[in-house]
Amino acid sequence: MSDEEYAHQALSALERIDVEGLSQDGHDAHEDAIAAVDELAALLESDDGVEDQNSVDTPEEWANDEDDWDEKVADAYEQAEIPRSKGTVTVKSIDDREYYYLQWREGDKVRSQYVAPVRPA
């Protein structure tokens, strides 16, 4: 599911909430949440700058293979089944070798997905 679809799903869920039983503070918070998610959905629909916000900078070691790097990052997000707005690329050392991994949080757990070696072959 894309970020835009998540935003619309969240907006729809917020709009279905019965606010009559809420206190004034709860009602105000609900209205603020709807406004924020609506603004996010509009931003995602317009696509202005969203790709730049969610892009992962190409590491110096991959400067000569930027297209390959972008493909590996896209593959990692696809395999992880998470939106581009979620996750951070980090370096992990395994057996004295360094690798890039995509990491994100799911509840109390940190998940990771392999991206590429730090030094391309």
Protein backbone atom coordinates (compact mmCIF):
# COMPACT_ATOMS: atom_id res chain seq x y z
CA MET A 1 0.00 0.00 0.00
CA SER A 2 1.40 3.42 -0.91
CA ASP A 3 1.81 6.32 1.51
CA GLU A 4 -1.07 8.08 -0.25
CA GLU A 5 -3.34 5.05 0.26
CA TYR A 6 -2.34 4.86 3.94
CA ALA A 7 -3.17 8.56 4.38
CA HIS A 8 -6.60 8.16 2.77
CA GLN A 9 -7.29 5.04 4.82
CA ALA A 10 -6.36 6.91 8.03
CA LEU A 11 -8.52 9.88 7.04
CA SER A 12 -11.47 7.59 6.35
CA ALA A 13 -11.02 5.86 9.72
CA LEU A 14 -10.84 9.19 11.54
CA GLU A 15 -13.99 10.44 9.83
CA ARG A 16 -15.92 7.34 10.97
CA ILE A 17 -15.19 8.00 14.66
CA ASP A 18 -18.27 9.04 16.65
CA VAL A 19 -17.11 12.16 18.48
CA GLU A 20 -20.36 12.89 20.33
CA GLY A 21 -19.18 11.09 23.47
CA LEU A 22 -15.81 12.83 23.54
CA SER A 23 -14.88 15.74 25.77
CA GLN A 24 -14.19 19.10 24.13
CA ASP A 25 -10.44 18.36 24.26
CA GLY A 26 -11.03 14.98 22.62
CA HIS A 27 -13.22 16.58 19.97
CA ASP A 28 -10.56 19.26 19.29
CA ALA A 29 -7.82 16.60 19.06
CA HIS A 30 -9.98 14.62 16.62
CA GLU A 31 -10.49 17.69 14.42
CA ASP A 32 -6.74 18.45 14.53
CA ALA A 33 -5.95 14.86 13.53
CA ILE A 34 -8.37 15.01 10.59
CA ALA A 35 -6.87 18.31 9.43
CA ALA A 36 -3.30 16.96 9.68
CA VAL A 37 -4.05 13.71 7.82
CA ASP A 38 -6.05 15.61 5.20
CA GLU A 39 -3.07 17.93 4.66
CA LEU A 40 -0.74 14.93 4.39
CA ALA A 41 -3.04 13.24 1.87
CA ALA A 42 -3.13 16.42 -0.22
CA LEU A 43 0.68 16.67 -0.12
CA LEU A 44 1.04 13.04 -1.19
CA GLU A 45 -1.47 13.52 -4.01
CA SER A 46 0.35 16.59 -5.30
CA ASP A 47 3.65 14.66 -5.27
CA ASP A 48 5.51 18.00 -4.85
CA GLY A 49 8.74 17.16 -3.14
CA VAL A 50 7.50 13.90 -1.69
CA GLU A 51 9.99 11.85 -3.68
CA ASP A 52 12.83 14.08 -2.48
CA GLN A 53 11.68 13.77 1.14
CA ASN A 54 11.67 9.99 0.89
CA SER A 55 14.83 9.53 -1.16
CA VAL A 56 17.94 7.96 0.31
CA ASP A 57 21.15 9.81 -0.45
CA THR A 58 23.69 7.84 -2.44
CA PRO A 59 26.71 6.99 -0.27
CA GLU A 60 30.11 8.19 -1.42
CA GLU A 61 31.23 4.60 -2.11
CA TRP A 62 28.35 4.22 -4.57
CA ALA A 63 28.80 7.57 -6.37
CA ASN A 64 29.80 5.85 -9.63
CA ASP A 65 26.85 3.43 -9.43
CA GLU A 66 24.04 5.79 -8.36
CA ASP A 67 21.37 4.07 -10.49
CA ASP A 68 22.35 0.67 -9.09
CA TRP A 69 22.17 2.10 -5.54
CA ASP A 70 18.70 3.54 -6.16
CA GLU A 71 17.55 0.16 -7.48
CA LYS A 72 18.94 -1.70 -4.46
CA VAL A 73 17.21 0.72 -2.06
CA ALA A 74 13.92 0.39 -3.97
CA ASP A 75 14.25 -3.41 -3.87
CA ALA A 76 14.88 -3.33 -0.10
CA TYR A 77 11.75 -1.23 0.50
CA GLU A 78 9.73 -3.56 -1.72
CA GLN A 79 10.99 -6.68 0.08
CA ALA A 80 10.36 -5.06 3.47
CA GLU A 81 6.84 -4.08 2.37
CA ILE A 82 7.08 -0.68 4.05
CA PRO A 83 6.39 2.80 2.64
CA ARG A 84 9.31 4.99 1.55
CA SER A 85 8.55 7.37 4.40
CA LYS A 86 9.42 4.66 6.91
CA GLY A 87 12.86 3.25 7.57
CA THR A 88 16.45 4.44 7.80
CA VAL A 89 19.51 3.12 5.99
CA THR A 90 22.22 2.12 8.46
CA VAL A 91 25.54 0.26 8.39
CA LYS A 92 25.96 -3.12 10.09
CA SER A 93 29.28 -4.94 10.49
CA ILE A 94 29.18 -8.71 10.09
CA ASP A 95 32.41 -10.75 10.15
CA ASP A 96 34.53 -7.60 9.64
CA ARG A 97 32.52 -6.62 6.55
CA GLU A 98 30.16 -3.67 6.38
CA TYR A 99 26.70 -3.76 4.83
CA TYR A 100 23.86 -1.28 4.37
CA TYR A 101 20.57 -2.30 5.92
CA LEU A 102 17.17 -0.65 5.94
CA GLN A 103 15.85 -0.51 9.52
CA TRP A 104 12.41 0.40 10.84
CA ARG A 105 10.37 -0.11 13.98
CA GLU A 106 7.31 -2.35 14.23
CA GLY A 107 5.91 -1.87 17.71
CA ASP A 108 8.67 -2.74 20.18
CA LYS A 109 10.79 -4.55 17.58
CA VAL A 110 13.39 -3.18 15.18
CA ARG A 111 13.25 -4.87 11.79
CA SER A 112 15.88 -4.75 9.06
CA GLN A 113 16.25 -5.58 5.38
CA TYR A 114 19.55 -6.00 3.52
CA VAL A 115 20.31 -3.28 0.94
CA ALA A 116 23.89 -3.69 -0.31
CA PRO A 117 27.54 -3.94 0.75
CA VAL A 118 29.17 -0.66 1.78
CA ARG A 119 31.77 -1.10 -0.94
CA PRO A 120 30.24 -2.19 -4.26
CA ALA A 121 31.93 -5.03 -6.12
